[in-house]
Amino acid sequence: MILAAALVLAAAGFVAVCARLPGGGGARPWWFLAGIAALAVALVSPVHGWSERSLAGHMVQHVLLISLAAPLLAAAHPFEAVARSGRPDRVAPRPGATRSGRDKVVSAGGLAAVGVVQVGVLLGWHVPAIFDAAVAHQPLHDVEHVTLLASAFALWSMLLRARDGAAVVALFVATLPAMGYGVALTLAGTTWYVPYPDLPDQQLAGVVMWAYGGLLAVGGGVLLAIEWLRRAERSTPGWLG
């Protein structure tokens, strides 16, 4: 229940921050609340109990953290909203000026570096010995969840500031290793993880990783397209007609 209370406090705190911004200050509380809801489904709903009994449930939990909660939270730009709430004089920039740090160009090198870290964190936690240790030790399992969410949040924060089609290409490339892992998990003839000895369950877990994770990535691509259109409209008002 401590985690549930922390999620409620985080949601209420962000709404309070957004309320302090004149005219909303471009904040997006609904994105943040949707991300908190995704975290709740992953960590404090029956999905959590399922994840303790089933590898498929465990992978659903990971997909919710990485491919749903992380992009929703990143789309809310929470750190920028908190920073602006303490400096209301900077909420409304001059005409033609950039609205916030999210309008700054993201370098290809920076985006690639964050992508490598995110993929490394994801695949690293799914190495059988490390995965089994995390299942057996709750503190380590908590660290796993935090790092999976944080690395995905960092990647999405970069993707949402990238220009034009670069973000969509980067998202596709970053998704490939996880999909490859899911396919390998599906096709494996033996089980990989000691706590989950059921082979059909492992195969279903693989399908969750490559099929449903991939489907959410498509949804993420739509989110990136929306962000690109918003940025284009800010830089060239009226270009959408």
C-alpha atoms as a PDB file:
ATOM      1  CA  MET A   1       0.000   0.000   0.000  1.00  0.00           C
ATOM      2  CA  ILE A   2       2.995   2.279   0.432  1.00  0.00           C
ATOM      3  CA  LEU A   3       3.591   2.224  -3.316  1.00  0.00           C
ATOM      4  CA  ALA A   4      -0.063   2.973  -4.046  1.00  0.00           C
ATOM      5  CA  ALA A   5       0.047   5.921  -1.660  1.00  0.00           C
ATOM      6  CA  ALA A   6       3.245   7.187  -3.307  1.00  0.00           C
ATOM      7  CA  LEU A   7       1.601   7.053  -6.735  1.00  0.00           C
ATOM      8  CA  VAL A   8      -1.433   8.982  -5.465  1.00  0.00           C
ATOM      9  CA  LEU A   9       0.831  11.606  -3.885  1.00  0.00           C
ATOM     10  CA  ALA A  10       2.860  11.936  -7.086  1.00  0.00           C
ATOM     11  CA  ALA A  11      -0.313  12.434  -9.123  1.00  0.00           C
ATOM     12  CA  ALA A  12      -1.740  14.991  -6.682  1.00  0.00           C
ATOM     13  CA  GLY A  13       1.593  16.798  -6.455  1.00  0.00           C
ATOM     14  CA  PHE A  14       1.921  17.180 -10.212  1.00  0.00           C
ATOM     15  CA  VAL A  15      -1.647  18.432 -10.569  1.00  0.00           C
ATOM     16  CA  ALA A  16      -0.871  21.002  -7.868  1.00  0.00           C
ATOM     17  CA  VAL A  17       2.279  22.065  -9.735  1.00  0.00           C
ATOM     18  CA  CYS A  18       0.325  22.502 -12.977  1.00  0.00           C
ATOM     19  CA  ALA A  19      -2.312  24.552 -11.151  1.00  0.00           C
ATOM     20  CA  ARG A  20       0.392  27.063 -10.170  1.00  0.00           C
ATOM     21  CA  LEU A  21       1.280  27.767 -13.802  1.00  0.00           C
ATOM     22  CA  PRO A  22      -0.625  30.758 -15.284  1.00  0.00           C
ATOM     23  CA  GLY A  23      -2.964  29.448 -17.954  1.00  0.00           C
ATOM     24  CA  GLY A  24      -1.615  25.978 -17.360  1.00  0.00           C
ATOM     25  CA  GLY A  25       1.807  27.033 -18.671  1.00  0.00           C
ATOM     26  CA  GLY A  26       1.669  24.362 -21.364  1.00  0.00           C
ATOM     27  CA  ALA A  27       1.695  21.611 -18.727  1.00  0.00           C
ATOM     28  CA  ARG A  28       0.078  18.265 -19.490  1.00  0.00           C
ATOM     29  CA  PRO A  29      -1.357  16.809 -16.295  1.00  0.00           C
ATOM     30  CA  TRP A  30      -3.513  14.294 -18.156  1.00  0.00           C
ATOM     31  CA  TRP A  31      -0.459  12.643 -19.707  1.00  0.00           C
ATOM     32  CA  PHE A  32       1.109  12.375 -16.270  1.00  0.00           C
ATOM     33  CA  LEU A  33      -2.040  10.958 -14.686  1.00  0.00           C
ATOM     34  CA  ALA A  34      -2.282   8.382 -17.479  1.00  0.00           C
ATOM     35  CA  GLY A  35       1.329   7.384 -16.811  1.00  0.00           C
ATOM     36  CA  ILE A  36       0.621   7.043 -13.083  1.00  0.00           C
ATOM     37  CA  ALA A  37      -2.387   4.883 -13.931  1.00  0.00           C
ATOM     38  CA  ALA A  38      -0.172   2.641 -16.079  1.00  0.00           C
ATOM     39  CA  LEU A  39       2.274   2.327 -13.169  1.00  0.00           C
ATOM     40  CA  ALA A  40      -0.590   1.403 -10.859  1.00  0.00           C
ATOM     41  CA  VAL A  41      -1.778  -1.313 -13.238  1.00  0.00           C
ATOM     42  CA  ALA A  42       1.749  -2.706 -13.496  1.00  0.00           C
ATOM     43  CA  LEU A  43       2.735  -2.557  -9.831  1.00  0.00           C
ATOM     44  CA  VAL A  44      -0.285  -2.515  -7.507  1.00  0.00           C
ATOM     45  CA  SER A  45      -3.059  -4.202  -9.487  1.00  0.00           C
ATOM     46  CA  PRO A  46      -3.647  -7.981  -9.897  1.00  0.00           C
ATOM     47  CA  VAL A  47      -1.029  -7.825 -12.665  1.00  0.00           C
ATOM     48  CA  HIS A  48       1.608  -7.744  -9.915  1.00  0.00           C
ATOM     49  CA  GLY A  49       0.302 -10.945  -8.357  1.00  0.00           C
ATOM     50  CA  TRP A  50       0.146 -12.557 -11.802  1.00  0.00           C
ATOM     51  CA  SER A  51       3.767 -11.595 -12.433  1.00  0.00           C
ATOM     52  CA  GLU A  52       4.828 -13.558  -9.348  1.00  0.00           C
ATOM     53  CA  ARG A  53       3.206 -16.740 -10.681  1.00  0.00           C
ATOM     54  CA  SER A  54       3.776 -16.420 -14.413  1.00  0.00           C
ATOM     55  CA  LEU A  55       6.590 -15.266 -16.677  1.00  0.00           C
ATOM     56  CA  ALA A  56       3.968 -13.976 -19.102  1.00  0.00           C
ATOM     57  CA  GLY A  57       2.562 -11.826 -16.310  1.00  0.00           C
ATOM     58  CA  HIS A  58       6.071 -10.649 -15.487  1.00  0.00           C
ATOM     59  CA  MET A  59       6.601  -9.565 -19.085  1.00  0.00           C
ATOM     60  CA  VAL A  60       3.246  -7.773 -19.161  1.00  0.00           C
ATOM     61  CA  GLN A  61       4.469  -5.842 -16.134  1.00  0.00           C
ATOM     62  CA  HIS A  62       7.720  -4.912 -17.889  1.00  0.00           C
ATOM     63  CA  VAL A  63       5.945  -3.894 -21.090  1.00  0.00           C
ATOM     64  CA  LEU A  64       3.602  -1.645 -19.098  1.00  0.00           C
ATOM     65  CA  LEU A  65       6.564   0.036 -17.391  1.00  0.00           C
ATOM     66  CA  ILE A  66       8.724   0.495 -20.482  1.00  0.00           C
ATOM     67  CA  SER A  67       6.301   0.920 -23.359  1.00  0.00           C
ATOM     68  CA  LEU A  68       3.312   2.611 -21.723  1.00  0.00           C
ATOM     69  CA  ALA A  69       4.114   4.323 -18.410  1.00  0.00           C
ATOM     70  CA  ALA A  70       7.478   5.739 -19.528  1.00  0.00           C
ATOM     71  CA  PRO A  71       6.278   7.497 -22.718  1.00  0.00           C
ATOM     72  CA  LEU A  72       3.149   8.841 -21.012  1.00  0.00           C
ATOM     73  CA  LEU A  73       5.162  10.307 -18.136  1.00  0.00           C
ATOM     74  CA  ALA A  74       7.774  11.720 -20.519  1.00  0.00           C
ATOM     75  CA  ALA A  75       5.062  13.341 -22.652  1.00  0.00           C
ATOM     76  CA  ALA A  76       3.925  15.297 -19.584  1.00  0.00           C
ATOM     77  CA  HIS A  77       7.419  16.895 -19.281  1.00  0.00           C
ATOM     78  CA  PRO A  78       7.142  16.783 -15.479  1.00  0.00           C
ATOM     79  CA  PHE A  79      10.590  18.168 -14.624  1.00  0.00           C
ATOM     80  CA  GLU A  80      10.094  21.162 -16.913  1.00  0.00           C
ATOM     81  CA  ALA A  81       6.683  21.850 -15.378  1.00  0.00           C
ATOM     82  CA  VAL A  82       8.160  21.742 -11.868  1.00  0.00           C
ATOM     83  CA  ALA A  83      10.972  24.096 -12.918  1.00  0.00           C
ATOM     84  CA  ARG A  84       8.517  26.561 -14.497  1.00  0.00           C
ATOM     85  CA  SER A  85       6.246  26.496 -11.459  1.00  0.00           C
ATOM     86  CA  GLY A  86       9.037  28.081  -9.445  1.00  0.00           C
ATOM     87  CA  ARG A  87       9.723  30.733 -12.096  1.00  0.00           C
ATOM     88  CA  PRO A  88       6.345  31.891 -13.420  1.00  0.00           C
ATOM     89  CA  ASP A  89       7.982  34.858 -15.146  1.00  0.00           C
ATOM     90  CA  ARG A  90       9.364  32.390 -17.687  1.00  0.00           C
ATOM     91  CA  VAL A  91       6.126  30.583 -18.440  1.00  0.00           C
ATOM     92  CA  ALA A  92       5.216  32.811 -21.373  1.00  0.00           C
ATOM     93  CA  PRO A  93       8.205  33.314 -23.730  1.00  0.00           C
ATOM     94  CA  ARG A  94       8.526  36.104 -26.262  1.00  0.00           C
ATOM     95  CA  PRO A  95       6.753  35.586 -29.585  1.00  0.00           C
ATOM     96  CA  GLY A  96       8.882  33.372 -31.777  1.00  0.00           C
ATOM     97  CA  ALA A  97      11.036  32.190 -28.875  1.00  0.00           C
ATOM     98  CA  THR A  98      11.158  28.542 -27.885  1.00  0.00           C
ATOM     99  CA  ARG A  99       8.655  27.584 -25.211  1.00  0.00           C
ATOM    100  CA  SER A 100      10.895  25.280 -23.195  1.00  0.00           C
ATOM    101  CA  GLY A 101      13.880  22.963 -23.201  1.00  0.00           C
ATOM    102  CA  ARG A 102      11.896  20.376 -25.097  1.00  0.00           C
ATOM    103  CA  ASP A 103      12.167  22.550 -28.220  1.00  0.00           C
ATOM    104  CA  LYS A 104      15.964  22.295 -28.232  1.00  0.00           C
ATOM    105  CA  VAL A 105      17.511  20.094 -30.888  1.00  0.00           C
ATOM    106  CA  VAL A 106      18.610  16.681 -29.655  1.00  0.00           C
ATOM    107  CA  SER A 107      21.896  15.536 -31.133  1.00  0.00           C
ATOM    108  CA  ALA A 108      22.032  12.169 -32.883  1.00  0.00           C
ATOM    109  CA  GLY A 109      24.922  11.155 -30.661  1.00  0.00           C
ATOM    110  CA  GLY A 110      23.038  11.978 -27.472  1.00  0.00           C
ATOM    111  CA  LEU A 111      19.962  10.127 -28.640  1.00  0.00           C
ATOM    112  CA  ALA A 112      22.040   7.097 -29.635  1.00  0.00           C
ATOM    113  CA  ALA A 113      23.822   7.069 -26.259  1.00  0.00           C
ATOM    114  CA  VAL A 114      20.567   7.130 -24.283  1.00  0.00           C
ATOM    115  CA  GLY A 115      19.148   4.445 -26.584  1.00  0.00           C
ATOM    116  CA  VAL A 116      22.144   2.184 -25.967  1.00  0.00           C
ATOM    117  CA  VAL A 117      21.789   2.628 -22.211  1.00  0.00           C
ATOM    118  CA  GLN A 118      18.068   1.837 -22.309  1.00  0.00           C
ATOM    119  CA  VAL A 119      18.565  -1.291 -24.410  1.00  0.00           C
ATOM    120  CA  GLY A 120      21.486  -2.373 -22.207  1.00  0.00           C
ATOM    121  CA  VAL A 121      19.411  -1.973 -19.041  1.00  0.00           C
ATOM    122  CA  LEU A 122      16.506  -3.903 -20.561  1.00  0.00           C
ATOM    123  CA  LEU A 123      18.561  -6.820 -21.878  1.00  0.00           C
ATOM    124  CA  GLY A 124      20.848  -6.867 -18.846  1.00  0.00           C
ATOM    125  CA  TRP A 125      17.998  -7.438 -16.419  1.00  0.00           C
ATOM    126  CA  HIS A 126      16.753 -10.331 -18.573  1.00  0.00           C
ATOM    127  CA  VAL A 127      20.022 -12.286 -18.420  1.00  0.00           C
ATOM    128  CA  PRO A 128      18.839 -15.494 -16.681  1.00  0.00           C
ATOM    129  CA  ALA A 129      21.147 -15.311 -13.630  1.00  0.00           C
ATOM    130  CA  ILE A 130      20.341 -11.632 -13.021  1.00  0.00           C
ATOM    131  CA  PHE A 131      16.620 -12.120 -13.662  1.00  0.00           C
ATOM    132  CA  ASP A 132      16.455 -15.064 -11.233  1.00  0.00           C
ATOM    133  CA  ALA A 133      18.294 -13.066  -8.573  1.00  0.00           C
ATOM    134  CA  ALA A 134      15.864 -10.156  -8.937  1.00  0.00           C
ATOM    135  CA  VAL A 135      12.872 -12.475  -8.551  1.00  0.00           C
ATOM    136  CA  ALA A 136      14.407 -14.014  -5.425  1.00  0.00           C
ATOM    137  CA  HIS A 137      15.356 -10.712  -3.734  1.00  0.00           C
ATOM    138  CA  GLN A 138      12.685  -8.011  -3.510  1.00  0.00           C
ATOM    139  CA  PRO A 139      15.082  -5.048  -3.033  1.00  0.00           C
ATOM    140  CA  LEU A 140      16.913  -6.044  -6.213  1.00  0.00           C
ATOM    141  CA  HIS A 141      13.567  -6.483  -7.951  1.00  0.00           C
ATOM    142  CA  ASP A 142      12.632  -2.943  -6.927  1.00  0.00           C
ATOM    143  CA  VAL A 143      15.916  -1.652  -8.387  1.00  0.00           C
ATOM    144  CA  GLU A 144      15.100  -3.523 -11.597  1.00  0.00           C
ATOM    145  CA  HIS A 145      11.742  -1.782 -11.918  1.00  0.00           C
ATOM    146  CA  VAL A 146      13.180   1.645 -11.129  1.00  0.00           C
ATOM    147  CA  THR A 147      16.003   1.338 -13.669  1.00  0.00           C
ATOM    148  CA  LEU A 148      13.738  -0.074 -16.377  1.00  0.00           C
ATOM    149  CA  LEU A 149      11.323   2.823 -15.926  1.00  0.00           C
ATOM    150  CA  ALA A 150      14.022   5.496 -15.547  1.00  0.00           C
ATOM    151  CA  SER A 151      16.014   4.423 -18.609  1.00  0.00           C
ATOM    152  CA  ALA A 152      12.868   4.225 -20.743  1.00  0.00           C
ATOM    153  CA  PHE A 153      11.725   7.623 -19.429  1.00  0.00           C
ATOM    154  CA  ALA A 154      15.112   9.129 -20.339  1.00  0.00           C
ATOM    155  CA  LEU A 155      14.919   7.674 -23.845  1.00  0.00           C
ATOM    156  CA  TRP A 156      11.383   8.932 -24.398  1.00  0.00           C
ATOM    157  CA  SER A 157      12.286  12.360 -23.080  1.00  0.00           C
ATOM    158  CA  MET A 158      14.964  12.524 -25.782  1.00  0.00           C
ATOM    159  CA  LEU A 159      12.736  11.058 -28.483  1.00  0.00           C
ATOM    160  CA  LEU A 160      10.041  13.650 -27.811  1.00  0.00           C
ATOM    161  CA  ARG A 161      12.562  16.454 -28.407  1.00  0.00           C
ATOM    162  CA  ALA A 162      14.140  14.966 -31.543  1.00  0.00           C
ATOM    163  CA  ARG A 163      13.418  16.608 -34.887  1.00  0.00           C
ATOM    164  CA  ASP A 164      11.357  15.293 -37.788  1.00  0.00           C
ATOM    165  CA  GLY A 165      11.594  11.558 -38.489  1.00  0.00           C
ATOM    166  CA  ALA A 166      14.748  10.969 -36.466  1.00  0.00           C
ATOM    167  CA  ALA A 167      12.719  10.037 -33.380  1.00  0.00           C
ATOM    168  CA  VAL A 168      10.630   7.456 -35.227  1.00  0.00           C
ATOM    169  CA  VAL A 169      13.761   5.832 -36.713  1.00  0.00           C
ATOM    170  CA  ALA A 170      15.443   5.826 -33.293  1.00  0.00           C
ATOM    171  CA  LEU A 171      12.351   4.282 -31.695  1.00  0.00           C
ATOM    172  CA  PHE A 172      12.299   1.523 -34.320  1.00  0.00           C
ATOM    173  CA  VAL A 173      15.982   0.733 -33.809  1.00  0.00           C
ATOM    174  CA  ALA A 174      15.669   0.755 -30.002  1.00  0.00           C
ATOM    175  CA  THR A 175      12.683  -1.595 -30.189  1.00  0.00           C
ATOM    176  CA  LEU A 176      14.425  -4.241 -32.294  1.00  0.00           C
ATOM    177  CA  PRO A 177      16.580  -5.841 -29.517  1.00  0.00           C
ATOM    178  CA  ALA A 178      13.570  -6.276 -27.222  1.00  0.00           C
ATOM    179  CA  MET A 179      11.556  -7.797 -30.067  1.00  0.00           C
ATOM    180  CA  GLY A 180      14.478 -10.097 -30.887  1.00  0.00           C
ATOM    181  CA  TYR A 181      14.610 -11.191 -27.252  1.00  0.00           C
ATOM    182  CA  GLY A 182      10.875 -11.884 -27.326  1.00  0.00           C
ATOM    183  CA  VAL A 183      11.171 -14.003 -30.476  1.00  0.00           C
ATOM    184  CA  ALA A 184      14.067 -15.989 -28.952  1.00  0.00           C
ATOM    185  CA  LEU A 185      12.028 -16.534 -25.785  1.00  0.00           C
ATOM    186  CA  THR A 186       9.100 -17.780 -27.862  1.00  0.00           C
ATOM    187  CA  LEU A 187      11.151 -20.200 -29.960  1.00  0.00           C
ATOM    188  CA  ALA A 188      13.358 -21.580 -27.161  1.00  0.00           C
ATOM    189  CA  GLY A 189      12.973 -25.318 -26.553  1.00  0.00           C
ATOM    190  CA  THR A 190      13.903 -25.092 -22.877  1.00  0.00           C
ATOM    191  CA  THR A 191      12.977 -22.714 -20.089  1.00  0.00           C
ATOM    192  CA  TRP A 192      15.434 -19.931 -19.260  1.00  0.00           C
ATOM    193  CA  TYR A 193      14.380 -18.890 -15.772  1.00  0.00           C
ATOM    194  CA  VAL A 194      14.353 -21.070 -12.654  1.00  0.00           C
ATOM    195  CA  PRO A 195      11.311 -19.422 -10.991  1.00  0.00           C
ATOM    196  CA  TYR A 196       9.232 -19.997 -14.145  1.00  0.00           C
ATOM    197  CA  PRO A 197       9.665 -23.638 -15.256  1.00  0.00           C
ATOM    198  CA  ASP A 198       6.614 -23.821 -17.551  1.00  0.00           C
ATOM    199  CA  LEU A 199       7.631 -23.740 -21.239  1.00  0.00           C
ATOM    200  CA  PRO A 200       4.217 -22.681 -22.686  1.00  0.00           C
ATOM    201  CA  ASP A 201       4.175 -19.832 -20.167  1.00  0.00           C
ATOM    202  CA  GLN A 202       7.625 -18.769 -21.372  1.00  0.00           C
ATOM    203  CA  GLN A 203       6.469 -18.890 -24.981  1.00  0.00           C
ATOM    204  CA  LEU A 204       3.494 -16.678 -24.135  1.00  0.00           C
ATOM    205  CA  ALA A 205       5.889 -14.293 -22.365  1.00  0.00           C
ATOM    206  CA  GLY A 206       7.904 -14.057 -25.565  1.00  0.00           C
ATOM    207  CA  VAL A 207       4.775 -13.231 -27.549  1.00  0.00           C
ATOM    208  CA  VAL A 208       3.986 -10.467 -25.046  1.00  0.00           C
ATOM    209  CA  MET A 209       7.452  -8.990 -25.546  1.00  0.00           C
ATOM    210  CA  TRP A 210       7.544  -8.940 -29.339  1.00  0.00           C
ATOM    211  CA  ALA A 211       3.879  -8.625 -30.266  1.00  0.00           C
ATOM    212  CA  TYR A 212       2.276  -6.410 -27.646  1.00  0.00           C
ATOM    213  CA  GLY A 213       5.499  -4.522 -26.933  1.00  0.00           C
ATOM    214  CA  GLY A 214       5.763  -3.857 -30.665  1.00  0.00           C
ATOM    215  CA  LEU A 215       2.140  -2.727 -30.816  1.00  0.00           C
ATOM    216  CA  LEU A 216       2.745  -0.200 -28.047  1.00  0.00           C
ATOM    217  CA  ALA A 217       5.829   0.993 -29.941  1.00  0.00           C
ATOM    218  CA  VAL A 218       3.546   1.762 -32.891  1.00  0.00           C
ATOM    219  CA  GLY A 219       1.376   3.795 -30.525  1.00  0.00           C
ATOM    220  CA  GLY A 220       4.541   5.536 -29.366  1.00  0.00           C
ATOM    221  CA  GLY A 221       5.333   6.401 -32.967  1.00  0.00           C
ATOM    222  CA  VAL A 222       1.941   8.119 -33.198  1.00  0.00           C
ATOM    223  CA  LEU A 223       2.773  10.062 -30.027  1.00  0.00           C
ATOM    224  CA  LEU A 224       6.063  11.172 -31.574  1.00  0.00           C
ATOM    225  CA  ALA A 225       4.254  12.322 -34.707  1.00  0.00           C
ATOM    226  CA  ILE A 226       1.863  14.385 -32.564  1.00  0.00           C
ATOM    227  CA  GLU A 227       4.801  15.964 -30.746  1.00  0.00           C
ATOM    228  CA  TRP A 228       6.510  16.804 -34.041  1.00  0.00           C
ATOM    229  CA  LEU A 229       3.328  18.478 -35.346  1.00  0.00           C
ATOM    230  CA  ARG A 230       2.971  20.492 -32.127  1.00  0.00           C
ATOM    231  CA  ARG A 231       6.581  21.651 -32.377  1.00  0.00           C
ATOM    232  CA  ALA A 232       6.184  22.557 -36.039  1.00  0.00           C
ATOM    233  CA  GLU A 233       3.077  24.586 -35.276  1.00  0.00           C
ATOM    234  CA  ARG A 234       4.910  26.467 -32.509  1.00  0.00           C
ATOM    235  CA  SER A 235       7.842  27.315 -34.749  1.00  0.00           C
ATOM    236  CA  THR A 236       5.667  28.196 -37.787  1.00  0.00           C
ATOM    237  CA  PRO A 237       2.168  29.169 -36.575  1.00  0.00           C
ATOM    238  CA  GLY A 238      -0.587  28.424 -39.048  1.00  0.00           C
ATOM    239  CA  TRP A 239       1.405  26.056 -41.243  1.00  0.00           C
ATOM    240  CA  LEU A 240      -1.161  23.318 -40.619  1.00  0.00           C
ATOM    241  CA  GLY A 241      -3.803  25.565 -42.121  1.00  0.00           C
END
